[in-house]
Amino acid sequence: MSLDIPMVFKYHVFACFTKRPAGHPRGSCMENGAQPLWDRLQQKLEAKQLPDVNMSASGCLSFCRAGPLMVVYPEGIWYRPEKPEDIDEIIQSHFVEGNPVERLIIVPQR
């Protein structure tokens, strides 16, 4: 069955905001330095006024030790940014130009 449902956003970013205690065996994105990256992502998206891009804070994305993680839909592309410049590159290349940033893509392992 195919549904003809219009997309609300061209890109929907889910950024993991899970924080576990230091030393937790699963780790967490926030313990791995996600907060400044997500702050930058939110600020840059607001500054660029990209109406087709939405960011949502998510809970655990299940690949905690690999974090910080974000996933972009509808493509289902997983990114692991490490520094603020990575966020800038994702916004410009993926969201503005439509070209995913291959060097920052990860493939989560189940």
N, C-alpha and C. Protein backbone atom coordinates (compact mmCIF):
# COMPACT_ATOMS: atom_id res chain seq x y z
N MET A 1 0.84 -1.18 0.00
CA MET A 1 0.00 0.00 0.00
C MET A 1 0.89 1.24 0.00
N SER A 2 0.60 2.15 -0.84
CA SER A 2 1.36 3.39 -0.93
C SER A 2 0.49 4.56 -0.46
N LEU A 3 1.01 5.34 0.43
CA LEU A 3 0.29 6.51 0.92
C LEU A 3 0.87 7.76 0.29
N ASP A 4 0.01 8.65 -0.10
CA ASP A 4 0.45 9.91 -0.69
C ASP A 4 0.33 11.00 0.39
N ILE A 5 1.32 11.02 1.28
CA ILE A 5 1.31 11.96 2.39
C ILE A 5 2.41 13.00 2.14
N PRO A 6 2.07 14.26 2.13
CA PRO A 6 3.10 15.29 1.89
C PRO A 6 4.07 15.37 3.08
N MET A 7 5.34 15.63 2.75
CA MET A 7 6.35 15.79 3.79
C MET A 7 6.23 17.18 4.40
N VAL A 8 6.36 17.26 5.70
CA VAL A 8 6.32 18.55 6.39
C VAL A 8 7.69 19.22 6.30
N PHE A 9 8.75 18.41 6.44
CA PHE A 9 10.12 18.91 6.36
C PHE A 9 10.89 18.11 5.32
N LYS A 10 11.82 18.75 4.67
CA LYS A 10 12.70 18.03 3.75
C LYS A 10 13.66 17.16 4.54
N TYR A 11 14.16 17.69 5.67
CA TYR A 11 15.07 16.95 6.55
C TYR A 11 14.57 17.07 7.98
N HIS A 12 14.59 15.96 8.69
CA HIS A 12 14.25 15.95 10.11
C HIS A 12 15.42 15.31 10.83
N VAL A 13 16.06 16.09 11.69
CA VAL A 13 17.25 15.66 12.42
C VAL A 13 16.85 15.24 13.83
N PHE A 14 17.26 14.05 14.21
CA PHE A 14 17.07 13.58 15.59
C PHE A 14 18.45 13.51 16.22
N ALA A 15 18.66 14.31 17.27
CA ALA A 15 19.94 14.38 17.96
C ALA A 15 19.77 13.78 19.35
N CYS A 16 20.63 12.84 19.71
CA CYS A 16 20.52 12.15 20.99
C CYS A 16 20.93 13.06 22.15
N PHE A 17 20.03 13.22 23.09
CA PHE A 17 20.27 14.01 24.30
C PHE A 17 20.38 13.14 25.55
N THR A 18 20.56 11.85 25.37
CA THR A 18 20.64 10.94 26.52
C THR A 18 21.89 11.21 27.33
N LYS A 19 21.69 11.28 28.66
CA LYS A 19 22.83 11.45 29.57
C LYS A 19 22.73 10.41 30.66
N ARG A 20 23.76 9.59 30.73
CA ARG A 20 23.87 8.60 31.79
C ARG A 20 24.99 9.01 32.72
N PRO A 21 25.02 8.46 33.92
CA PRO A 21 26.09 8.79 34.85
C PRO A 21 27.46 8.44 34.28
N ALA A 22 28.46 9.21 34.67
CA ALA A 22 29.83 8.93 34.24
C ALA A 22 30.19 7.50 34.63
N GLY A 23 30.84 6.81 33.72
CA GLY A 23 31.26 5.44 33.98
C GLY A 23 30.20 4.39 33.68
N HIS A 24 29.02 4.81 33.25
CA HIS A 24 27.97 3.84 32.91
C HIS A 24 28.49 2.94 31.78
N PRO A 25 28.26 1.64 31.86
CA PRO A 25 28.81 0.74 30.84
C PRO A 25 28.36 1.00 29.41
N ARG A 26 27.19 1.58 29.22
CA ARG A 26 26.73 1.88 27.86
C ARG A 26 27.23 3.21 27.35
N GLY A 27 27.70 4.08 28.24
CA GLY A 27 28.08 5.42 27.83
C GLY A 27 26.84 6.22 27.44
N SER A 28 27.04 7.41 26.91
CA SER A 28 25.92 8.21 26.42
C SER A 28 26.44 9.33 25.54
N CYS A 29 25.59 9.83 24.68
CA CYS A 29 25.99 10.90 23.77
C CYS A 29 26.38 12.16 24.55
N MET A 30 25.63 12.50 25.59
CA MET A 30 25.96 13.70 26.34
C MET A 30 27.29 13.55 27.08
N GLU A 31 27.57 12.37 27.58
CA GLU A 31 28.87 12.13 28.22
C GLU A 31 30.00 12.17 27.20
N ASN A 32 29.68 11.96 25.93
CA ASN A 32 30.68 11.99 24.86
C ASN A 32 30.77 13.36 24.19
N GLY A 33 30.23 14.40 24.83
CA GLY A 33 30.41 15.76 24.33
C GLY A 33 29.37 16.28 23.36
N ALA A 34 28.15 15.74 23.41
CA ALA A 34 27.12 16.15 22.45
C ALA A 34 26.57 17.56 22.68
N GLN A 35 26.47 18.01 23.92
CA GLN A 35 25.76 19.26 24.21
C GLN A 35 26.24 20.46 23.39
N PRO A 36 27.54 20.75 23.35
CA PRO A 36 27.96 21.92 22.55
C PRO A 36 27.69 21.74 21.06
N LEU A 37 27.73 20.50 20.58
CA LEU A 37 27.44 20.25 19.16
C LEU A 37 25.97 20.50 18.86
N TRP A 38 25.09 20.00 19.73
CA TRP A 38 23.66 20.20 19.50
C TRP A 38 23.27 21.66 19.69
N ASP A 39 23.92 22.35 20.62
CA ASP A 39 23.66 23.79 20.78
C ASP A 39 24.01 24.52 19.49
N ARG A 40 25.16 24.17 18.92
CA ARG A 40 25.59 24.82 17.68
C ARG A 40 24.63 24.48 16.53
N LEU A 41 24.23 23.22 16.45
CA LEU A 41 23.30 22.81 15.41
C LEU A 41 22.01 23.63 15.49
N GLN A 42 21.47 23.75 16.66
CA GLN A 42 20.23 24.50 16.85
C GLN A 42 20.42 25.98 16.51
N GLN A 43 21.51 26.57 16.98
CA GLN A 43 21.78 27.99 16.70
C GLN A 43 21.98 28.25 15.22
N LYS A 44 22.74 27.40 14.56
CA LYS A 44 23.01 27.59 13.13
C LYS A 44 21.74 27.40 12.28
N LEU A 45 20.93 26.41 12.64
CA LEU A 45 19.69 26.20 11.89
C LEU A 45 18.76 27.40 12.04
N GLU A 46 18.68 27.95 13.25
CA GLU A 46 17.86 29.14 13.46
C GLU A 46 18.42 30.35 12.70
N ALA A 47 19.74 30.51 12.72
CA ALA A 47 20.37 31.65 12.05
C ALA A 47 20.19 31.58 10.53
N LYS A 48 20.30 30.38 9.97
CA LYS A 48 20.16 30.22 8.52
C LYS A 48 18.71 30.22 8.06
N GLN A 49 17.79 30.13 9.00
CA GLN A 49 16.36 30.13 8.69
C GLN A 49 16.04 29.14 7.57
N LEU A 50 16.30 27.88 7.85
CA LEU A 50 16.02 26.82 6.89
C LEU A 50 14.67 26.19 7.26
N PRO A 51 13.60 26.62 6.62
CA PRO A 51 12.27 26.14 6.99
C PRO A 51 12.03 24.67 6.69
N ASP A 52 12.84 24.08 5.82
CA ASP A 52 12.66 22.67 5.47
C ASP A 52 13.45 21.72 6.36
N VAL A 53 14.12 22.26 7.39
CA VAL A 53 14.92 21.43 8.29
C VAL A 53 14.40 21.60 9.71
N ASN A 54 14.13 20.47 10.36
CA ASN A 54 13.68 20.50 11.74
C ASN A 54 14.60 19.64 12.59
N MET A 55 14.90 20.10 13.79
CA MET A 55 15.73 19.35 14.73
C MET A 55 14.87 18.97 15.92
N SER A 56 14.97 17.72 16.31
CA SER A 56 14.27 17.24 17.50
C SER A 56 15.27 16.58 18.44
N ALA A 57 15.12 16.85 19.73
CA ALA A 57 15.91 16.16 20.74
C ALA A 57 15.34 14.76 20.88
N SER A 58 16.21 13.77 20.84
CA SER A 58 15.73 12.41 20.99
C SER A 58 16.33 11.78 22.24
N GLY A 59 15.71 10.71 22.63
CA GLY A 59 16.29 9.86 23.66
C GLY A 59 17.35 8.99 23.00
N CYS A 60 17.68 7.93 23.66
CA CYS A 60 18.74 7.04 23.21
C CYS A 60 18.47 6.51 21.81
N LEU A 61 19.50 6.56 20.96
CA LEU A 61 19.42 6.03 19.60
C LEU A 61 20.03 4.63 19.52
N SER A 62 20.41 4.08 20.67
CA SER A 62 20.83 2.67 20.84
C SER A 62 22.27 2.34 20.50
N PHE A 63 23.07 3.27 20.08
CA PHE A 63 24.47 3.00 19.76
C PHE A 63 25.35 3.93 20.59
N CYS A 64 25.16 3.86 21.90
CA CYS A 64 25.67 4.84 22.85
C CYS A 64 27.18 5.06 22.78
N ARG A 65 27.95 4.02 22.70
CA ARG A 65 29.41 4.17 22.71
C ARG A 65 29.93 4.89 21.47
N ALA A 66 29.14 4.92 20.42
CA ALA A 66 29.56 5.57 19.17
C ALA A 66 29.29 7.07 19.17
N GLY A 67 28.59 7.56 20.19
CA GLY A 67 28.12 8.94 20.21
C GLY A 67 29.21 9.98 20.29
N PRO A 68 28.83 11.23 20.06
CA PRO A 68 27.48 11.75 19.87
C PRO A 68 26.93 11.41 18.49
N LEU A 69 25.64 11.07 18.49
CA LEU A 69 24.99 10.64 17.26
C LEU A 69 23.78 11.49 16.91
N MET A 70 23.59 11.64 15.61
CA MET A 70 22.37 12.25 15.08
C MET A 70 21.99 11.47 13.85
N VAL A 71 20.69 11.40 13.58
CA VAL A 71 20.22 10.71 12.38
C VAL A 71 19.31 11.66 11.61
N VAL A 72 19.49 11.68 10.30
CA VAL A 72 18.75 12.59 9.43
C VAL A 72 17.78 11.79 8.56
N TYR A 73 16.53 12.15 8.66
CA TYR A 73 15.49 11.53 7.83
C TYR A 73 14.99 12.54 6.82
N PRO A 74 14.55 12.10 5.63
CA PRO A 74 14.06 10.77 5.34
C PRO A 74 15.12 9.77 4.90
N GLU A 75 16.37 10.19 4.69
CA GLU A 75 17.39 9.27 4.19
C GLU A 75 17.82 8.23 5.20
N GLY A 76 17.70 8.54 6.48
CA GLY A 76 18.19 7.63 7.51
C GLY A 76 19.70 7.64 7.60
N ILE A 77 20.30 8.82 7.39
CA ILE A 77 21.76 8.95 7.44
C ILE A 77 22.18 9.27 8.87
N TRP A 78 23.11 8.46 9.39
CA TRP A 78 23.63 8.63 10.74
C TRP A 78 24.95 9.40 10.67
N TYR A 79 25.05 10.43 11.50
CA TYR A 79 26.28 11.22 11.59
C TYR A 79 26.85 11.13 13.00
N ARG A 80 28.17 11.18 13.05
CA ARG A 80 28.89 11.30 14.32
C ARG A 80 29.81 12.51 14.22
N PRO A 81 29.26 13.71 14.49
CA PRO A 81 30.13 14.89 14.47
C PRO A 81 31.03 14.91 15.71
N GLU A 82 32.23 15.42 15.55
CA GLU A 82 33.18 15.46 16.66
C GLU A 82 33.50 16.89 17.09
N LYS A 83 33.36 17.84 16.19
CA LYS A 83 33.72 19.22 16.52
C LYS A 83 32.72 20.17 15.88
N PRO A 84 32.68 21.41 16.35
CA PRO A 84 31.70 22.38 15.83
C PRO A 84 31.75 22.55 14.31
N GLU A 85 32.93 22.49 13.73
CA GLU A 85 33.06 22.64 12.28
C GLU A 85 32.35 21.52 11.52
N ASP A 86 32.24 20.34 12.16
CA ASP A 86 31.51 19.24 11.52
C ASP A 86 30.03 19.60 11.38
N ILE A 87 29.49 20.24 12.39
CA ILE A 87 28.09 20.68 12.35
C ILE A 87 27.89 21.66 11.20
N ASP A 88 28.80 22.63 11.08
CA ASP A 88 28.72 23.61 10.00
C ASP A 88 28.74 22.93 8.63
N GLU A 89 29.61 21.93 8.49
CA GLU A 89 29.73 21.22 7.22
C GLU A 89 28.46 20.42 6.90
N ILE A 90 27.88 19.77 7.91
CA ILE A 90 26.64 19.03 7.70
C ILE A 90 25.53 19.97 7.24
N ILE A 91 25.40 21.11 7.91
CA ILE A 91 24.35 22.06 7.54
C ILE A 91 24.54 22.55 6.11
N GLN A 92 25.75 23.00 5.78
CA GLN A 92 25.98 23.55 4.45
C GLN A 92 25.89 22.48 3.36
N SER A 93 26.61 21.40 3.55
CA SER A 93 26.68 20.39 2.50
C SER A 93 25.38 19.59 2.38
N HIS A 94 24.88 19.07 3.49
CA HIS A 94 23.70 18.20 3.42
C HIS A 94 22.41 18.98 3.31
N PHE A 95 22.18 19.92 4.24
CA PHE A 95 20.88 20.58 4.30
C PHE A 95 20.71 21.69 3.28
N VAL A 96 21.78 22.40 2.94
CA VAL A 96 21.67 23.48 1.95
C VAL A 96 21.91 22.96 0.53
N GLU A 97 23.00 22.18 0.34
CA GLU A 97 23.37 21.73 -0.99
C GLU A 97 22.84 20.35 -1.37
N GLY A 98 22.35 19.59 -0.37
CA GLY A 98 21.80 18.27 -0.65
C GLY A 98 22.82 17.17 -0.80
N ASN A 99 24.05 17.40 -0.32
CA ASN A 99 25.12 16.41 -0.43
C ASN A 99 25.53 15.91 0.95
N PRO A 100 25.19 14.68 1.32
CA PRO A 100 25.62 14.16 2.62
C PRO A 100 27.14 14.22 2.79
N VAL A 101 27.58 14.37 4.02
CA VAL A 101 29.01 14.49 4.34
C VAL A 101 29.53 13.09 4.64
N GLU A 102 30.08 12.44 3.63
CA GLU A 102 30.48 11.03 3.73
C GLU A 102 31.46 10.77 4.87
N ARG A 103 32.40 11.66 5.11
CA ARG A 103 33.42 11.40 6.12
C ARG A 103 32.85 11.37 7.54
N LEU A 104 31.66 11.90 7.74
CA LEU A 104 31.05 11.92 9.07
C LEU A 104 29.94 10.88 9.24
N ILE A 105 29.63 10.15 8.17
CA ILE A 105 28.58 9.14 8.23
C ILE A 105 29.11 7.90 8.94
N ILE A 106 28.27 7.35 9.83
CA ILE A 106 28.61 6.06 10.43
C ILE A 106 27.48 5.10 10.13
N VAL A 107 27.79 3.83 10.16
CA VAL A 107 26.79 2.80 9.99
C VAL A 107 26.71 2.06 11.33
N PRO A 108 25.66 2.33 12.10
CA PRO A 108 25.54 1.67 13.41
C PRO A 108 25.46 0.15 13.26
N GLN A 109 26.10 -0.53 14.17
CA GLN A 109 26.08 -1.99 14.18
C GLN A 109 25.12 -2.47 15.26
N ARG A 110 24.26 -3.38 14.91
CA ARG A 110 23.31 -3.93 15.89
C ARG A 110 23.98 -4.88 16.83
